[in-house]
Amino acid sequence: MKKHLPLIIAILLLALAYFTGCSKYIGLAWYGKATLIGGAGGIILALAAYWFNKNSLNITLIALFAITAAITYYYARIFIDSADFEPTAGFVWYIGYHIGAALFIPTAAYVLQKILPQSASTD
């Protein structure tokens, strides 16, 4: 149980963001379904990272999360600031939020695993 405590906390953080609607306040109209779909994918990614127990896989997922967040933010700004409807930017923003929600779980779990000293022991 202690090994999976960071994963449980990461899931609870995403659930808290979902139920409080904090994504809605930064202008994400589709935060509900995207958070659920992305979160489910993120749980699978995090469990795979735990199963393989590869530190390089965790670092890769964190790098992908940072890249996804940057690309999603960039295209969101293009979509929001465009005078005309910009379908490509909207699509990248939409898909990027799904991927960002999926990568949030393993990223948060890895960071929490490094922060919480009791989670290093196995059952």
Protein backbone atom coordinates (compact mmCIF):
# COMPACT_ATOMS: atom_id res chain seq x y z
CA MET A 1 0.00 0.00 0.00
CA LYS A 2 2.81 2.40 0.83
CA LYS A 3 4.32 1.89 -2.61
CA HIS A 4 1.10 3.04 -4.26
CA LEU A 5 0.40 5.93 -1.88
CA PRO A 6 1.82 8.55 -4.30
CA LEU A 7 -0.38 7.17 -7.08
CA ILE A 8 -3.45 7.34 -4.85
CA ILE A 9 -2.65 10.91 -3.85
CA ALA A 10 -2.11 11.89 -7.51
CA ILE A 11 -5.49 10.41 -8.42
CA LEU A 12 -7.09 12.28 -5.52
CA LEU A 13 -5.48 15.54 -6.71
CA LEU A 14 -6.93 15.07 -10.19
CA ALA A 15 -10.31 14.14 -8.70
CA LEU A 16 -10.19 17.27 -6.55
CA ALA A 17 -9.47 19.38 -9.64
CA TYR A 18 -12.35 17.67 -11.42
CA PHE A 19 -14.94 18.03 -8.66
CA THR A 20 -14.02 21.60 -7.75
CA GLY A 21 -14.05 22.61 -11.42
CA CYS A 22 -10.79 24.53 -11.16
CA SER A 23 -10.06 23.92 -14.86
CA LYS A 24 -13.26 25.73 -15.71
CA TYR A 25 -11.82 28.93 -14.23
CA ILE A 26 -8.90 28.95 -16.67
CA GLY A 27 -11.22 28.71 -19.64
CA LEU A 28 -11.41 25.00 -20.39
CA ALA A 29 -14.96 24.26 -21.41
CA TRP A 30 -14.32 20.54 -21.91
CA TYR A 31 -12.49 19.92 -18.63
CA GLY A 32 -15.02 17.33 -17.38
CA LYS A 33 -14.80 14.54 -19.93
CA ALA A 34 -11.18 15.26 -20.76
CA THR A 35 -10.18 14.99 -17.13
CA LEU A 36 -11.99 11.66 -16.76
CA ILE A 37 -10.67 10.20 -20.01
CA GLY A 38 -7.16 11.54 -19.50
CA GLY A 39 -7.14 10.50 -15.85
CA ALA A 40 -8.07 6.92 -16.75
CA GLY A 41 -5.22 6.83 -19.24
CA GLY A 42 -2.91 8.36 -16.68
CA ILE A 43 -3.70 5.65 -14.15
CA ILE A 44 -2.75 3.04 -16.75
CA LEU A 45 0.49 4.90 -17.53
CA ALA A 46 1.38 5.22 -13.86
CA LEU A 47 0.70 1.55 -13.17
CA ALA A 48 2.86 0.62 -16.16
CA ALA A 49 5.64 2.84 -14.83
CA TYR A 50 5.35 1.15 -11.40
CA TRP A 51 5.26 -2.28 -12.99
CA PHE A 52 8.35 -1.70 -15.11
CA ASN A 53 9.96 0.18 -12.21
CA LYS A 54 12.15 2.14 -14.58
CA ASN A 55 13.33 5.54 -13.44
CA SER A 56 14.00 6.57 -17.04
CA LEU A 57 10.35 5.87 -17.92
CA ASN A 58 9.20 8.20 -15.14
CA ILE A 59 11.60 10.93 -16.28
CA THR A 60 10.35 10.50 -19.85
CA LEU A 61 6.72 10.87 -18.73
CA ILE A 62 7.60 14.04 -16.81
CA ALA A 63 9.37 15.50 -19.86
CA LEU A 64 6.37 14.61 -22.03
CA PHE A 65 4.06 16.30 -19.51
CA ALA A 66 6.12 19.51 -19.67
CA ILE A 67 6.23 19.44 -23.48
CA THR A 68 2.49 18.73 -23.69
CA ALA A 69 1.69 21.56 -21.30
CA ALA A 70 3.78 24.01 -23.32
CA ILE A 71 2.33 22.98 -26.69
CA THR A 72 -1.23 22.95 -25.35
CA TYR A 73 -0.83 26.39 -23.82
CA TYR A 74 0.68 27.77 -27.04
CA TYR A 75 -2.14 26.50 -29.22
CA ALA A 76 -4.76 27.52 -26.68
CA ARG A 77 -3.48 31.07 -26.91
CA ILE A 78 -3.63 30.93 -30.71
CA PHE A 79 -7.20 29.62 -30.58
CA ILE A 80 -8.37 32.14 -27.99
CA ASP A 81 -6.63 35.13 -29.57
CA SER A 82 -7.68 34.37 -33.16
CA ALA A 83 -10.29 36.63 -34.70
CA ASP A 84 -11.50 33.79 -36.93
CA PHE A 85 -12.18 30.22 -35.91
CA GLU A 86 -8.85 28.38 -35.93
CA PRO A 87 -9.76 24.66 -36.09
CA THR A 88 -6.23 23.27 -35.94
CA ALA A 89 -5.35 25.24 -32.83
CA GLY A 90 -8.62 24.25 -31.19
CA PHE A 91 -8.03 20.58 -31.98
CA VAL A 92 -4.46 20.64 -30.63
CA TRP A 93 -5.69 22.41 -27.50
CA TYR A 94 -8.46 19.85 -27.01
CA ILE A 95 -6.26 16.78 -27.54
CA GLY A 96 -3.43 18.38 -25.58
CA TYR A 97 -5.67 18.75 -22.54
CA HIS A 98 -6.54 15.04 -22.70
CA ILE A 99 -2.88 14.09 -22.95
CA GLY A 100 -1.93 16.57 -20.22
CA ALA A 101 -4.51 15.10 -17.87
CA ALA A 102 -3.20 11.61 -18.66
CA LEU A 103 0.42 12.60 -18.03
CA PHE A 104 -0.46 14.48 -14.84
CA ILE A 105 -1.08 11.25 -12.90
CA PRO A 106 2.33 9.59 -13.42
CA THR A 107 4.13 12.93 -13.11
CA ALA A 108 2.46 13.80 -9.80
CA ALA A 109 2.93 10.24 -8.54
CA TYR A 110 6.65 10.33 -9.34
CA VAL A 111 7.13 13.71 -7.67
CA LEU A 112 5.17 12.58 -4.62
CA GLN A 113 7.21 9.37 -4.50
CA LYS A 114 10.37 11.47 -4.24
CA ILE A 115 8.84 13.82 -1.63
CA LEU A 116 7.25 11.23 0.65
CA PRO A 117 10.03 9.23 2.33
CA GLN A 118 7.71 6.52 3.67
CA SER A 119 6.59 5.60 0.17
CA ALA A 120 10.01 4.22 -0.71
CA SER A 121 9.44 1.02 1.26
CA THR A 122 7.51 -1.85 -0.24
CA ASP A 123 4.92 -4.06 1.40
